[in-house]
Amino acid sequence: MSKTVRLGMDVMKFAYDKEQEPVVRIDSGDTVVMETEDANVSHFLKDTDLWVFKDVYADAGGCNPIDGPVYVNGARAGDFLKVDLISVTPGFIRNGGYTSVQSGVGTLEDVLGTICQPLESRTRICNFEDGKLIMKTDNPGECLKVPLNPFVGSIGVAPREDRRTSFKQDMEWCGNVDLPDIRPGVSVILPCNVDGGYLYMGDVHGAQGDGEITGCALECQGLIEARVSVLKRDTVVYFNCPQVNCDEWIGSIGVDAGGNLSNAMKRGYTDLVRRLEAEYGIPVYDGYMLLNLAGRVRIGNELTCLCKIDREVLKKYSL
């Protein structure tokens, strides 16, 4: 009979690492509930708390913490983990989170200044109310209300070789991909590089626009509930990219650790073309053109994207 295990924030780590001792061992089909810390480990509790990289590391030991590793019994190197996300609850302790501009970080600026002189660091503490986050503006007495769209920013497994820091990402172990589509109702397929898989999750976001352009989404403590299953190699169509699938669409995660988002998109779409051929019998040329006409891309951060296509389109195509 399947069981549910709950993990507290005391099991958080700052690396995907096969050498770490598993915090729990579960069976295929069991459910894990993870209490996760925010990306800067409660360093920002008021608007005057500003982001300084060295201070975050000095005070907390790292940033972008993840819970784990979870060892899944029966998972062998070469198998896959299927992670069905049941629920993601943002701000489950403080009923809020924060977002920020961090000097020298973000798509629209760097230390030299690209849209203006280098910006000062600035923090906005945001409370949650009626399914929305409330963010004060620079205009006194005014605020913005943004719908909550909670998701898991970081999900991955231990790499095959050396450890990798928790704020990095790669198609081999997934990691900090910051994709808003990794939300309740989807299944994430991850490769097992080592026996047990060594699953990690964390970095819950309450909301995020495509690109996470300041480098900081709505960061918050979170509660993740997920069912974890082992899939054997001969039962899975898998090529190079972690997968995110749901009833409405199928998708492949593209990552370019060198910072070229175009390359990430190429990798995700290439993987999807191969999946269309293997799963649906759609020849490569047809799949390539079909994705050209009906494929969609969701941007995570500056390095990641999810290339996907609606199942309804594939159903119609097959007819």
C-alpha atoms as a PDB file:
ATOM      1  CA  MET A   1       0.000   0.000   0.000  1.00  0.00           C
ATOM      2  CA  SER A   2       1.338   3.435  -0.907  1.00  0.00           C
ATOM      3  CA  LYS A   3       2.178   5.890   1.851  1.00  0.00           C
ATOM      4  CA  THR A   4       2.759   9.612   2.332  1.00  0.00           C
ATOM      5  CA  VAL A   5       5.910  11.016   3.903  1.00  0.00           C
ATOM      6  CA  ARG A   6       6.437  14.627   4.963  1.00  0.00           C
ATOM      7  CA  LEU A   7       9.790  16.399   4.890  1.00  0.00           C
ATOM      8  CA  GLY A   8      10.542  19.628   6.752  1.00  0.00           C
ATOM      9  CA  MET A   9      12.874  22.459   5.815  1.00  0.00           C
ATOM     10  CA  ASP A  10      15.610  20.915   7.929  1.00  0.00           C
ATOM     11  CA  VAL A  11      16.447  18.577   5.003  1.00  0.00           C
ATOM     12  CA  MET A  12      17.213  21.402   2.555  1.00  0.00           C
ATOM     13  CA  LYS A  13      20.430  21.204   0.540  1.00  0.00           C
ATOM     14  CA  PHE A  14      22.334  23.468  -1.837  1.00  0.00           C
ATOM     15  CA  ALA A  15      23.446  20.886  -4.392  1.00  0.00           C
ATOM     16  CA  TYR A  16      22.217  17.971  -6.493  1.00  0.00           C
ATOM     17  CA  ASP A  17      24.609  15.332  -5.234  1.00  0.00           C
ATOM     18  CA  LYS A  18      24.676  11.515  -5.365  1.00  0.00           C
ATOM     19  CA  GLU A  19      27.054  11.459  -2.384  1.00  0.00           C
ATOM     20  CA  GLN A  20      24.525  12.966   0.017  1.00  0.00           C
ATOM     21  CA  GLU A  21      22.765  10.605   2.389  1.00  0.00           C
ATOM     22  CA  PRO A  22      19.093  10.162   1.399  1.00  0.00           C
ATOM     23  CA  VAL A  23      16.736  11.895   3.828  1.00  0.00           C
ATOM     24  CA  VAL A  24      14.065   9.275   3.180  1.00  0.00           C
ATOM     25  CA  ARG A  25      13.552   6.107   1.166  1.00  0.00           C
ATOM     26  CA  ILE A  26      10.173   5.612  -0.488  1.00  0.00           C
ATOM     27  CA  ASP A  27       8.546   3.011  -2.721  1.00  0.00           C
ATOM     28  CA  SER A  28       7.278   3.636  -6.233  1.00  0.00           C
ATOM     29  CA  GLY A  29       3.813   5.204  -5.993  1.00  0.00           C
ATOM     30  CA  ASP A  30       4.389   6.849  -2.619  1.00  0.00           C
ATOM     31  CA  THR A  31       3.598  10.519  -2.046  1.00  0.00           C
ATOM     32  CA  VAL A  32       6.037  13.073  -0.653  1.00  0.00           C
ATOM     33  CA  VAL A  33       5.081  16.370   0.944  1.00  0.00           C
ATOM     34  CA  MET A  34       7.962  18.832   1.121  1.00  0.00           C
ATOM     35  CA  GLU A  35       8.122  22.004   3.203  1.00  0.00           C
ATOM     36  CA  THR A  36      10.464  24.213   1.211  1.00  0.00           C
ATOM     37  CA  GLU A  37      12.355  27.367   2.124  1.00  0.00           C
ATOM     38  CA  ASP A  38      12.378  30.416  -0.139  1.00  0.00           C
ATOM     39  CA  ALA A  39      15.212  31.058  -2.589  1.00  0.00           C
ATOM     40  CA  ASN A  40      17.170  33.275  -0.224  1.00  0.00           C
ATOM     41  CA  VAL A  41      16.446  31.306   2.949  1.00  0.00           C
ATOM     42  CA  SER A  42      14.226  33.910   4.681  1.00  0.00           C
ATOM     43  CA  HIS A  43      16.825  36.621   4.139  1.00  0.00           C
ATOM     44  CA  PHE A  44      14.098  39.034   2.960  1.00  0.00           C
ATOM     45  CA  LEU A  45      11.398  39.684   5.554  1.00  0.00           C
ATOM     46  CA  LYS A  46      10.862  43.428   5.017  1.00  0.00           C
ATOM     47  CA  ASP A  47      11.284  45.906   2.192  1.00  0.00           C
ATOM     48  CA  THR A  48      14.553  47.226   3.638  1.00  0.00           C
ATOM     49  CA  ASP A  49      16.206  43.793   3.407  1.00  0.00           C
ATOM     50  CA  LEU A  50      18.312  44.045   0.238  1.00  0.00           C
ATOM     51  CA  TRP A  51      19.967  41.323  -1.797  1.00  0.00           C
ATOM     52  CA  VAL A  52      23.721  41.026  -1.359  1.00  0.00           C
ATOM     53  CA  PHE A  53      25.103  37.765  -2.725  1.00  0.00           C
ATOM     54  CA  LYS A  54      27.888  37.388  -0.189  1.00  0.00           C
ATOM     55  CA  ASP A  55      25.521  38.068   2.710  1.00  0.00           C
ATOM     56  CA  VAL A  56      23.089  35.363   1.612  1.00  0.00           C
ATOM     57  CA  TYR A  57      25.880  32.806   1.529  1.00  0.00           C
ATOM     58  CA  ALA A  58      27.415  33.991   4.793  1.00  0.00           C
ATOM     59  CA  ASP A  59      24.100  33.910   6.667  1.00  0.00           C
ATOM     60  CA  ALA A  60      22.406  30.880   5.121  1.00  0.00           C
ATOM     61  CA  GLY A  61      25.173  28.823   3.525  1.00  0.00           C
ATOM     62  CA  GLY A  62      23.784  29.160   0.027  1.00  0.00           C
ATOM     63  CA  CYS A  63      20.798  30.196  -2.061  1.00  0.00           C
ATOM     64  CA  ASN A  64      18.000  28.436  -3.931  1.00  0.00           C
ATOM     65  CA  PRO A  65      17.706  25.541  -1.429  1.00  0.00           C
ATOM     66  CA  ILE A  66      16.104  22.236  -2.415  1.00  0.00           C
ATOM     67  CA  ASP A  67      14.717  19.429  -0.244  1.00  0.00           C
ATOM     68  CA  GLY A  68      16.204  15.965  -0.584  1.00  0.00           C
ATOM     69  CA  PRO A  69      17.571  13.687  -1.708  1.00  0.00           C
ATOM     70  CA  VAL A  70      14.672  11.231  -1.820  1.00  0.00           C
ATOM     71  CA  TYR A  71      15.769   7.687  -2.647  1.00  0.00           C
ATOM     72  CA  VAL A  72      13.143   5.716  -4.578  1.00  0.00           C
ATOM     73  CA  ASN A  73      13.382   1.972  -3.988  1.00  0.00           C
ATOM     74  CA  GLY A  74      13.601  -0.070  -7.165  1.00  0.00           C
ATOM     75  CA  ALA A  75      14.879   2.806  -9.292  1.00  0.00           C
ATOM     76  CA  ARG A  76      18.048   1.846 -11.142  1.00  0.00           C
ATOM     77  CA  ALA A  77      20.409   3.921 -13.225  1.00  0.00           C
ATOM     78  CA  GLY A  78      18.811   4.054 -16.664  1.00  0.00           C
ATOM     79  CA  ASP A  79      15.254   4.083 -15.305  1.00  0.00           C
ATOM     80  CA  PHE A  80      13.065   7.171 -14.935  1.00  0.00           C
ATOM     81  CA  LEU A  81      11.137   8.932 -12.202  1.00  0.00           C
ATOM     82  CA  LYS A  82       7.630  10.165 -12.874  1.00  0.00           C
ATOM     83  CA  VAL A  83       6.750  13.021 -10.513  1.00  0.00           C
ATOM     84  CA  ASP A  84       3.018  13.792 -10.505  1.00  0.00           C
ATOM     85  CA  LEU A  85       2.507  17.203  -8.924  1.00  0.00           C
ATOM     86  CA  ILE A  86      -0.644  17.130  -6.819  1.00  0.00           C
ATOM     87  CA  SER A  87      -0.499  20.527  -5.134  1.00  0.00           C
ATOM     88  CA  VAL A  88       1.821  23.507  -4.694  1.00  0.00           C
ATOM     89  CA  THR A  89       0.982  25.878  -1.847  1.00  0.00           C
ATOM     90  CA  PRO A  90       2.941  29.149  -1.817  1.00  0.00           C
ATOM     91  CA  GLY A  91       3.677  31.087   1.373  1.00  0.00           C
ATOM     92  CA  PHE A  92       2.218  28.406   3.613  1.00  0.00           C
ATOM     93  CA  ILE A  93       3.806  29.938   6.740  1.00  0.00           C
ATOM     94  CA  ARG A  94       3.944  33.710   6.165  1.00  0.00           C
ATOM     95  CA  ASN A  95       1.094  33.953   3.613  1.00  0.00           C
ATOM     96  CA  GLY A  96       3.333  35.923   1.320  1.00  0.00           C
ATOM     97  CA  GLY A  97       6.694  36.233  -0.326  1.00  0.00           C
ATOM     98  CA  TYR A  98       8.900  38.782  -2.013  1.00  0.00           C
ATOM     99  CA  THR A  99      10.259  39.917  -5.320  1.00  0.00           C
ATOM    100  CA  SER A 100      13.210  42.180  -5.982  1.00  0.00           C
ATOM    101  CA  VAL A 101      15.542  44.017  -8.278  1.00  0.00           C
ATOM    102  CA  GLN A 102      19.081  42.889  -7.540  1.00  0.00           C
ATOM    103  CA  SER A 103      21.878  45.201  -8.615  1.00  0.00           C
ATOM    104  CA  GLY A 104      23.912  43.614 -11.398  1.00  0.00           C
ATOM    105  CA  VAL A 105      21.413  40.778 -11.920  1.00  0.00           C
ATOM    106  CA  GLY A 106      18.618  40.453 -14.454  1.00  0.00           C
ATOM    107  CA  THR A 107      17.860  40.458 -18.141  1.00  0.00           C
ATOM    108  CA  LEU A 108      17.519  44.228 -18.557  1.00  0.00           C
ATOM    109  CA  GLU A 109      20.631  45.324 -16.707  1.00  0.00           C
ATOM    110  CA  ASP A 110      24.107  44.256 -15.753  1.00  0.00           C
ATOM    111  CA  VAL A 111      26.925  45.780 -13.749  1.00  0.00           C
ATOM    112  CA  LEU A 112      27.628  48.196 -16.616  1.00  0.00           C
ATOM    113  CA  GLY A 113      23.995  49.227 -16.967  1.00  0.00           C
ATOM    114  CA  THR A 114      22.135  48.381 -20.165  1.00  0.00           C
ATOM    115  CA  ILE A 115      18.879  50.329 -19.857  1.00  0.00           C
ATOM    116  CA  CYS A 116      20.200  52.983 -17.477  1.00  0.00           C
ATOM    117  CA  GLN A 117      22.840  53.464 -14.839  1.00  0.00           C
ATOM    118  CA  PRO A 118      23.170  50.335 -12.663  1.00  0.00           C
ATOM    119  CA  LEU A 119      20.030  49.944 -10.599  1.00  0.00           C
ATOM    120  CA  GLU A 120      20.030  49.870  -6.837  1.00  0.00           C
ATOM    121  CA  SER A 121      18.808  46.721  -5.133  1.00  0.00           C
ATOM    122  CA  ARG A 122      15.172  46.952  -4.109  1.00  0.00           C
ATOM    123  CA  THR A 123      12.814  44.518  -2.370  1.00  0.00           C
ATOM    124  CA  ARG A 124       9.026  44.259  -2.357  1.00  0.00           C
ATOM    125  CA  ILE A 125       7.372  42.130   0.324  1.00  0.00           C
ATOM    126  CA  CYS A 126       4.067  40.848  -1.106  1.00  0.00           C
ATOM    127  CA  ASN A 127       1.187  39.477   0.933  1.00  0.00           C
ATOM    128  CA  PHE A 128      -1.413  37.083  -0.473  1.00  0.00           C
ATOM    129  CA  GLU A 129      -5.092  37.926  -0.505  1.00  0.00           C
ATOM    130  CA  ASP A 130      -8.001  36.250  -2.323  1.00  0.00           C
ATOM    131  CA  GLY A 131      -5.755  34.351  -4.713  1.00  0.00           C
ATOM    132  CA  LYS A 132      -3.648  37.394  -5.596  1.00  0.00           C
ATOM    133  CA  LEU A 133      -0.331  38.838  -4.498  1.00  0.00           C
ATOM    134  CA  ILE A 134      -0.384  42.453  -3.353  1.00  0.00           C
ATOM    135  CA  MET A 135       2.704  44.479  -4.291  1.00  0.00           C
ATOM    136  CA  LYS A 136       3.218  48.068  -3.177  1.00  0.00           C
ATOM    137  CA  THR A 137       4.526  50.476  -5.810  1.00  0.00           C
ATOM    138  CA  ASP A 138       6.789  53.540  -5.710  1.00  0.00           C
ATOM    139  CA  ASN A 139       3.635  55.662  -5.652  1.00  0.00           C
ATOM    140  CA  PRO A 140       2.576  56.011  -1.982  1.00  0.00           C
ATOM    141  CA  GLY A 141      -0.695  54.283  -1.203  1.00  0.00           C
ATOM    142  CA  GLU A 142      -0.836  52.384  -4.505  1.00  0.00           C
ATOM    143  CA  CYS A 143      -0.394  48.702  -5.101  1.00  0.00           C
ATOM    144  CA  LEU A 144      -0.521  46.144  -7.879  1.00  0.00           C
ATOM    145  CA  LYS A 145      -2.560  42.939  -7.678  1.00  0.00           C
ATOM    146  CA  VAL A 146      -1.276  39.941  -9.617  1.00  0.00           C
ATOM    147  CA  PRO A 147      -3.018  36.529  -9.734  1.00  0.00           C
ATOM    148  CA  LEU A 148      -1.142  33.762  -7.957  1.00  0.00           C
ATOM    149  CA  ASN A 149       0.160  31.010 -10.236  1.00  0.00           C
ATOM    150  CA  PRO A 150       2.179  28.724  -7.948  1.00  0.00           C
ATOM    151  CA  PHE A 151       4.714  26.306  -9.385  1.00  0.00           C
ATOM    152  CA  VAL A 152       7.926  24.431  -8.578  1.00  0.00           C
ATOM    153  CA  GLY A 153      10.989  26.352  -9.731  1.00  0.00           C
ATOM    154  CA  SER A 154      13.581  23.650  -9.063  1.00  0.00           C
ATOM    155  CA  ILE A 155      13.155  19.917  -9.589  1.00  0.00           C
ATOM    156  CA  GLY A 156      15.856  17.429 -10.420  1.00  0.00           C
ATOM    157  CA  VAL A 157      17.904  14.359  -9.667  1.00  0.00           C
ATOM    158  CA  ALA A 158      21.519  13.645  -8.846  1.00  0.00           C
ATOM    159  CA  PRO A 159      23.896  14.085 -11.802  1.00  0.00           C
ATOM    160  CA  ARG A 160      25.788  11.075 -13.092  1.00  0.00           C
ATOM    161  CA  GLU A 161      29.189  12.420 -12.087  1.00  0.00           C
ATOM    162  CA  ASP A 162      30.022  15.392  -9.859  1.00  0.00           C
ATOM    163  CA  ARG A 163      27.575  17.408  -7.735  1.00  0.00           C
ATOM    164  CA  ARG A 164      25.935  20.537  -9.138  1.00  0.00           C
ATOM    165  CA  THR A 165      24.908  23.630  -7.196  1.00  0.00           C
ATOM    166  CA  SER A 166      21.182  24.021  -6.640  1.00  0.00           C
ATOM    167  CA  PHE A 167      20.790  27.215  -8.684  1.00  0.00           C
ATOM    168  CA  LYS A 168      22.180  25.539 -11.843  1.00  0.00           C
ATOM    169  CA  GLN A 169      20.332  23.551 -14.505  1.00  0.00           C
ATOM    170  CA  ASP A 170      21.083  20.974 -17.196  1.00  0.00           C
ATOM    171  CA  MET A 171      19.144  18.468 -19.279  1.00  0.00           C
ATOM    172  CA  GLU A 172      20.957  15.606 -17.525  1.00  0.00           C
ATOM    173  CA  TRP A 173      19.554  16.358 -14.068  1.00  0.00           C
ATOM    174  CA  CYS A 174      17.064  19.219 -14.755  1.00  0.00           C
ATOM    175  CA  GLY A 175      17.450  21.592 -11.773  1.00  0.00           C
ATOM    176  CA  ASN A 176      16.593  25.284 -11.479  1.00  0.00           C
ATOM    177  CA  VAL A 177      14.524  25.613 -14.652  1.00  0.00           C
ATOM    178  CA  ASP A 178      11.928  28.113 -13.290  1.00  0.00           C
ATOM    179  CA  LEU A 179       9.184  26.954 -15.660  1.00  0.00           C
ATOM    180  CA  PRO A 180       5.661  28.148 -14.678  1.00  0.00           C
ATOM    181  CA  ASP A 181       4.179  25.040 -16.325  1.00  0.00           C
ATOM    182  CA  ILE A 182       5.682  22.810 -13.619  1.00  0.00           C
ATOM    183  CA  ARG A 183       2.494  23.168 -11.626  1.00  0.00           C
ATOM    184  CA  PRO A 184      -0.220  20.966 -10.136  1.00  0.00           C
ATOM    185  CA  GLY A 185      -1.708  18.587 -12.678  1.00  0.00           C
ATOM    186  CA  VAL A 186       1.471  17.873 -14.655  1.00  0.00           C
ATOM    187  CA  SER A 187       3.861  14.931 -14.660  1.00  0.00           C
ATOM    188  CA  VAL A 188       7.604  15.548 -14.807  1.00  0.00           C
ATOM    189  CA  ILE A 189       9.734  12.733 -16.239  1.00  0.00           C
ATOM    190  CA  LEU A 190      13.353  12.696 -15.053  1.00  0.00           C
ATOM    191  CA  PRO A 191      16.180  10.274 -15.861  1.00  0.00           C
ATOM    192  CA  CYS A 192      17.773   8.230 -13.091  1.00  0.00           C
ATOM    193  CA  ASN A 193      21.510   8.783 -13.399  1.00  0.00           C
ATOM    194  CA  VAL A 194      22.180   6.729 -10.272  1.00  0.00           C
ATOM    195  CA  ASP A 195      20.351   4.013  -8.361  1.00  0.00           C
ATOM    196  CA  GLY A 196      17.516   5.481  -6.292  1.00  0.00           C
ATOM    197  CA  GLY A 197      17.207   8.519  -8.525  1.00  0.00           C
ATOM    198  CA  TYR A 198      17.938  10.961  -5.679  1.00  0.00           C
ATOM    199  CA  LEU A 199      15.023  13.353  -6.228  1.00  0.00           C
ATOM    200  CA  TYR A 200      15.159  16.982  -5.068  1.00  0.00           C
ATOM    201  CA  MET A 201      12.514  19.739  -5.218  1.00  0.00           C
ATOM    202  CA  GLY A 202      12.188  23.311  -3.998  1.00  0.00           C
ATOM    203  CA  ASP A 203      12.192  26.986  -5.021  1.00  0.00           C
ATOM    204  CA  VAL A 204       8.409  27.459  -4.998  1.00  0.00           C
ATOM    205  CA  HIS A 205       7.249  30.583  -6.831  1.00  0.00           C
ATOM    206  CA  GLY A 206       3.904  32.261  -6.239  1.00  0.00           C
ATOM    207  CA  ALA A 207       3.968  33.884  -9.682  1.00  0.00           C
ATOM    208  CA  GLN A 208       6.445  34.614 -12.459  1.00  0.00           C
ATOM    209  CA  GLY A 209       6.355  36.162 -15.893  1.00  0.00           C
ATOM    210  CA  ASP A 210       8.101  34.472 -18.807  1.00  0.00           C
ATOM    211  CA  GLY A 211      11.844  34.987 -18.520  1.00  0.00           C
ATOM    212  CA  GLU A 212      12.053  35.833 -14.788  1.00  0.00           C
ATOM    213  CA  ILE A 213      13.602  39.048 -16.089  1.00  0.00           C
ATOM    214  CA  THR A 214      14.794  40.529 -12.782  1.00  0.00           C
ATOM    215  CA  GLY A 215      16.265  37.183 -11.726  1.00  0.00           C
ATOM    216  CA  CYS A 216      13.763  36.985  -8.856  1.00  0.00           C
ATOM    217  CA  ALA A 217      10.188  35.726  -9.228  1.00  0.00           C
ATOM    218  CA  LEU A 218       7.651  35.886  -6.398  1.00  0.00           C
ATOM    219  CA  GLU A 219       9.839  33.859  -4.069  1.00  0.00           C
ATOM    220  CA  CYS A 220       8.234  32.191  -1.087  1.00  0.00           C
ATOM    221  CA  GLN A 221       8.289  29.279   1.256  1.00  0.00           C
ATOM    222  CA  GLY A 222       6.147  26.503  -0.128  1.00  0.00           C
ATOM    223  CA  LEU A 223       4.475  23.172   0.337  1.00  0.00           C
ATOM    224  CA  ILE A 224       4.876  20.646  -2.496  1.00  0.00           C
ATOM    225  CA  GLU A 225       2.819  17.456  -2.689  1.00  0.00           C
ATOM    226  CA  ALA A 226       3.821  14.935  -5.334  1.00  0.00           C
ATOM    227  CA  ARG A 227       3.437  11.243  -6.131  1.00  0.00           C
ATOM    228  CA  VAL A 228       6.689   9.608  -7.263  1.00  0.00           C
ATOM    229  CA  SER A 229       6.800   6.493  -9.447  1.00  0.00           C
ATOM    230  CA  VAL A 230       9.530   4.463 -11.118  1.00  0.00           C
ATOM    231  CA  LEU A 231       9.262   3.917 -14.868  1.00  0.00           C
ATOM    232  CA  LYS A 232      11.418   1.248 -16.482  1.00  0.00           C
ATOM    233  CA  ARG A 233      13.378   2.100 -19.610  1.00  0.00           C
ATOM    234  CA  ASP A 234      11.351  -0.115 -21.928  1.00  0.00           C
ATOM    235  CA  THR A 235       8.110   1.640 -20.930  1.00  0.00           C
ATOM    236  CA  VAL A 236       9.206   5.225 -21.639  1.00  0.00           C
ATOM    237  CA  VAL A 237       9.795   7.164 -24.842  1.00  0.00           C
ATOM    238  CA  TYR A 238      12.660   9.404 -23.741  1.00  0.00           C
ATOM    239  CA  PHE A 239      15.518  10.977 -25.659  1.00  0.00           C
ATOM    240  CA  ASN A 240      17.596  13.806 -24.172  1.00  0.00           C
ATOM    241  CA  CYS A 241      15.286  16.256 -22.423  1.00  0.00           C
ATOM    242  CA  PRO A 242      13.306  16.097 -19.188  1.00  0.00           C
ATOM    243  CA  GLN A 243       9.609  15.997 -19.974  1.00  0.00           C
ATOM    244  CA  VAL A 244       6.577  17.849 -18.626  1.00  0.00           C
ATOM    245  CA  ASN A 245       3.270  16.310 -19.694  1.00  0.00           C
ATOM    246  CA  CYS A 246      -0.388  16.736 -18.819  1.00  0.00           C
ATOM    247  CA  ASP A 247      -3.813  15.900 -20.223  1.00  0.00           C
ATOM    248  CA  GLU A 248      -3.735  18.945 -22.527  1.00  0.00           C
ATOM    249  CA  TRP A 249      -0.205  18.836 -23.963  1.00  0.00           C
ATOM    250  CA  ILE A 250       3.193  17.159 -24.028  1.00  0.00           C
ATOM    251  CA  GLY A 251       6.432  19.072 -23.582  1.00  0.00           C
ATOM    252  CA  SER A 252      10.225  18.795 -23.524  1.00  0.00           C
ATOM    253  CA  ILE A 253      12.501  21.023 -21.439  1.00  0.00           C
ATOM    254  CA  GLY A 254      15.337  22.683 -23.343  1.00  0.00           C
ATOM    255  CA  VAL A 255      18.332  24.024 -21.412  1.00  0.00           C
ATOM    256  CA  ASP A 256      21.432  25.879 -22.519  1.00  0.00           C
ATOM    257  CA  ALA A 257      23.743  26.389 -19.563  1.00  0.00           C
ATOM    258  CA  GLY A 258      25.815  28.786 -21.674  1.00  0.00           C
ATOM    259  CA  GLY A 259      22.985  31.308 -21.641  1.00  0.00           C
ATOM    260  CA  ASN A 260      21.734  31.017 -25.231  1.00  0.00           C
ATOM    261  CA  LEU A 261      17.956  30.745 -25.106  1.00  0.00           C
ATOM    262  CA  SER A 262      17.795  30.022 -28.848  1.00  0.00           C
ATOM    263  CA  ASN A 263      19.910  26.911 -28.282  1.00  0.00           C
ATOM    264  CA  ALA A 264      17.607  25.833 -25.450  1.00  0.00           C
ATOM    265  CA  MET A 265      14.622  26.140 -27.784  1.00  0.00           C
ATOM    266  CA  LYS A 266      16.395  24.134 -30.494  1.00  0.00           C
ATOM    267  CA  ARG A 267      17.113  21.343 -28.028  1.00  0.00           C
ATOM    268  CA  GLY A 268      13.557  21.235 -26.692  1.00  0.00           C
ATOM    269  CA  TYR A 269      11.979  21.224 -30.148  1.00  0.00           C
ATOM    270  CA  THR A 270      14.438  18.631 -31.482  1.00  0.00           C
ATOM    271  CA  ASP A 271      13.497  16.365 -28.597  1.00  0.00           C
ATOM    272  CA  LEU A 272       9.814  16.934 -29.314  1.00  0.00           C
ATOM    273  CA  VAL A 273      10.197  16.068 -33.025  1.00  0.00           C
ATOM    274  CA  ARG A 274      11.720  12.748 -32.015  1.00  0.00           C
ATOM    275  CA  ARG A 275       8.944  12.123 -29.506  1.00  0.00           C
ATOM    276  CA  LEU A 276       6.278  12.769 -32.129  1.00  0.00           C
ATOM    277  CA  GLU A 277       7.854  10.156 -34.364  1.00  0.00           C
ATOM    278  CA  ALA A 278       8.296   7.565 -31.608  1.00  0.00           C
ATOM    279  CA  GLU A 279       5.007   8.128 -29.738  1.00  0.00           C
ATOM    280  CA  TYR A 280       2.636   9.096 -32.558  1.00  0.00           C
ATOM    281  CA  GLY A 281       4.255   7.687 -35.688  1.00  0.00           C
ATOM    282  CA  ILE A 282       4.610  11.163 -37.217  1.00  0.00           C
ATOM    283  CA  PRO A 283       7.562  11.201 -39.657  1.00  0.00           C
ATOM    284  CA  VAL A 284      10.368  13.646 -38.861  1.00  0.00           C
ATOM    285  CA  TYR A 285       9.637  16.072 -41.712  1.00  0.00           C
ATOM    286  CA  ASP A 286       5.946  16.159 -40.844  1.00  0.00           C
ATOM    287  CA  GLY A 287       6.656  16.592 -37.138  1.00  0.00           C
ATOM    288  CA  TYR A 288       9.099  19.397 -37.841  1.00  0.00           C
ATOM    289  CA  MET A 289       6.510  21.246 -39.932  1.00  0.00           C
ATOM    290  CA  LEU A 290       3.708  20.478 -37.485  1.00  0.00           C
ATOM    291  CA  LEU A 291       5.664  22.061 -34.630  1.00  0.00           C
ATOM    292  CA  ASN A 292       6.415  25.003 -36.897  1.00  0.00           C
ATOM    293  CA  LEU A 293       2.661  25.509 -37.258  1.00  0.00           C
ATOM    294  CA  ALA A 294       1.338  24.527 -33.844  1.00  0.00           C
ATOM    295  CA  GLY A 295       4.228  24.252 -31.367  1.00  0.00           C
ATOM    296  CA  ARG A 296       4.440  26.569 -28.377  1.00  0.00           C
ATOM    297  CA  VAL A 297       7.295  27.712 -26.151  1.00  0.00           C
ATOM    298  CA  ARG A 298       7.095  28.752 -22.503  1.00  0.00           C
ATOM    299  CA  ILE A 299      10.169  30.582 -21.246  1.00  0.00           C
ATOM    300  CA  GLY A 300      11.464  29.761 -17.768  1.00  0.00           C
ATOM    301  CA  ASN A 301      14.537  31.830 -16.971  1.00  0.00           C
ATOM    302  CA  GLU A 302      17.193  33.114 -19.362  1.00  0.00           C
ATOM    303  CA  LEU A 303      18.522  29.586 -19.889  1.00  0.00           C
ATOM    304  CA  THR A 304      15.436  27.380 -20.079  1.00  0.00           C
ATOM    305  CA  CYS A 305      12.224  26.818 -22.002  1.00  0.00           C
ATOM    306  CA  LEU A 306       9.462  24.251 -22.381  1.00  0.00           C
ATOM    307  CA  CYS A 307       8.604  23.327 -25.966  1.00  0.00           C
ATOM    308  CA  LYS A 308       5.154  21.780 -26.196  1.00  0.00           C
ATOM    309  CA  ILE A 309       2.232  20.883 -28.428  1.00  0.00           C
ATOM    310  CA  ASP A 310      -1.430  20.290 -27.625  1.00  0.00           C
ATOM    311  CA  ARG A 311      -2.614  16.693 -27.606  1.00  0.00           C
ATOM    312  CA  GLU A 312      -5.757  17.779 -29.448  1.00  0.00           C
ATOM    313  CA  VAL A 313      -3.594  18.835 -32.411  1.00  0.00           C
ATOM    314  CA  LEU A 314      -1.888  15.436 -32.400  1.00  0.00           C
ATOM    315  CA  LYS A 315      -5.246  13.681 -32.189  1.00  0.00           C
ATOM    316  CA  LYS A 316      -6.534  15.588 -35.184  1.00  0.00           C
ATOM    317  CA  TYR A 317      -3.311  14.986 -37.061  1.00  0.00           C
ATOM    318  CA  SER A 318      -3.546  11.253 -36.537  1.00  0.00           C
ATOM    319  CA  LEU A 319      -7.028  11.278 -38.033  1.00  0.00           C
END
